[in-house]
Amino acid sequence: YVDLSAPGGWLYLTGGSLGIIVYRRTNEEFVAMDRHCTYQTAELCRVFVDESEVVARDTLCCGSAFLITDGSVVQGPAALSLQRYNTSFNGTILRIYN
């Protein structure tokens, strides 16, 4: 998980509905959110982090974009943020849970 070794790093993990994006906000704080787009959820649209490495978007299915720093919508038609998971970090182990 070397991509999470410094603030600003991110990576994909399996789990959740369609995978999880984990973002390291600070040395002690992580954000984990589901990759399942919140617009027309039955379509099973999955977001991908774009070349900016700040925005996760799906241009083929739901047409929405979200900040990976907190999951908030930056481009609709989605109105709801990405589903966030709770995280805890003890300095060594990162725990992601509902």
Protein backbone atom coordinates (compact mmCIF):
# COMPACT_ATOMS: atom_id res chain seq x y z
CA TYR A 1 0.00 0.00 0.00
CA VAL A 2 2.87 2.36 -0.80
CA ASP A 3 0.42 4.72 -2.57
CA LEU A 4 -1.03 5.56 0.86
CA SER A 5 2.32 6.31 2.50
CA ALA A 6 1.92 10.11 2.26
CA PRO A 7 -0.99 12.56 2.44
CA GLY A 8 -2.63 12.99 -0.96
CA GLY A 9 -2.11 9.34 -1.89
CA TRP A 10 -4.96 7.09 -2.92
CA LEU A 11 -5.69 3.56 -4.11
CA TYR A 12 -8.48 1.16 -5.00
CA LEU A 13 -9.44 -1.73 -2.74
CA THR A 14 -11.87 -4.56 -3.30
CA GLY A 15 -14.98 -4.48 -1.14
CA GLY A 16 -18.06 -2.38 -0.79
CA SER A 17 -20.54 -2.45 -3.65
CA LEU A 18 -18.23 -1.82 -6.64
CA GLY A 19 -14.89 -1.34 -4.92
CA ILE A 20 -13.50 1.28 -2.56
CA ILE A 21 -11.34 4.37 -3.04
CA VAL A 22 -9.09 5.07 -0.06
CA TYR A 23 -7.57 8.55 0.17
CA ARG A 24 -5.00 9.67 2.74
CA ARG A 25 -6.06 13.15 3.86
CA THR A 26 -3.39 13.69 6.55
CA ASN A 27 -0.79 11.54 8.32
CA GLU A 28 -3.52 10.38 10.72
CA GLU A 29 -6.72 10.64 8.66
CA PHE A 30 -8.05 8.52 5.79
CA VAL A 31 -11.24 8.72 3.72
CA ALA A 32 -12.81 5.58 2.26
CA MET A 33 -15.75 5.68 -0.14
CA ASP A 34 -17.59 3.29 -2.41
CA ARG A 35 -16.92 3.53 -6.14
CA HIS A 36 -20.64 2.96 -6.92
CA CYS A 37 -22.01 6.14 -8.53
CA THR A 38 -24.98 7.54 -6.60
CA TYR A 39 -26.94 8.46 -9.74
CA GLN A 40 -29.21 5.71 -11.09
CA THR A 41 -27.69 3.15 -8.73
CA ALA A 42 -29.41 0.21 -10.42
CA GLU A 43 -27.16 0.79 -13.45
CA LEU A 44 -24.11 -0.25 -11.36
CA CYS A 45 -21.92 2.60 -12.62
CA ARG A 46 -18.38 2.63 -11.19
CA VAL A 47 -16.25 5.76 -10.82
CA PHE A 48 -12.54 5.91 -11.63
CA VAL A 49 -10.00 8.47 -10.43
CA ASP A 50 -9.12 10.66 -13.42
CA GLU A 51 -5.76 12.11 -14.47
CA SER A 52 -6.13 14.99 -11.98
CA GLU A 53 -5.90 12.42 -9.15
CA VAL A 54 -8.44 14.55 -7.25
CA VAL A 55 -11.70 13.65 -9.00
CA ALA A 56 -13.40 10.27 -9.46
CA ARG A 57 -15.77 10.20 -12.41
CA ASP A 58 -17.74 7.94 -14.69
CA THR A 59 -18.19 9.37 -18.16
CA LEU A 60 -19.74 6.29 -19.79
CA CYS A 61 -22.57 5.41 -17.41
CA CYS A 62 -23.70 7.94 -14.79
CA GLY A 63 -21.90 11.05 -16.10
CA SER A 64 -21.04 12.35 -12.62
CA ALA A 65 -17.83 13.36 -10.84
CA PHE A 66 -16.87 13.36 -7.16
CA LEU A 67 -13.93 14.66 -5.09
CA ILE A 68 -11.81 11.82 -3.71
CA THR A 69 -11.00 13.98 -0.68
CA ASP A 70 -14.54 13.59 0.71
CA GLY A 71 -16.81 12.03 -1.95
CA SER A 72 -18.78 15.23 -2.62
CA VAL A 73 -20.36 15.84 -6.03
CA VAL A 74 -18.48 18.22 -8.33
CA GLN A 75 -20.45 17.44 -11.49
CA GLY A 76 -23.98 16.05 -11.83
CA PRO A 77 -26.42 14.63 -12.56
CA ALA A 78 -25.71 12.87 -9.23
CA ALA A 79 -27.01 14.83 -6.25
CA LEU A 80 -25.67 12.58 -3.49
CA SER A 81 -22.05 12.16 -2.44
CA LEU A 82 -20.32 8.81 -2.73
CA GLN A 83 -21.11 6.43 0.13
CA ARG A 84 -18.45 6.90 2.81
CA TYR A 85 -17.14 4.25 5.17
CA ASN A 86 -15.81 4.79 8.67
CA THR A 87 -12.05 4.56 9.10
CA SER A 88 -9.73 4.27 12.08
CA PHE A 89 -5.94 4.31 12.03
CA ASN A 90 -3.66 3.40 14.94
CA GLY A 91 -0.42 4.42 13.26
CA THR A 92 0.06 0.99 11.68
CA ILE A 93 -3.30 -0.56 10.82
CA LEU A 94 -6.05 1.14 8.85
CA ARG A 95 -9.52 -0.24 9.56
CA ILE A 96 -12.40 0.44 7.13
CA TYR A 97 -15.90 -0.44 8.30
CA ASN A 98 -19.63 0.44 8.11
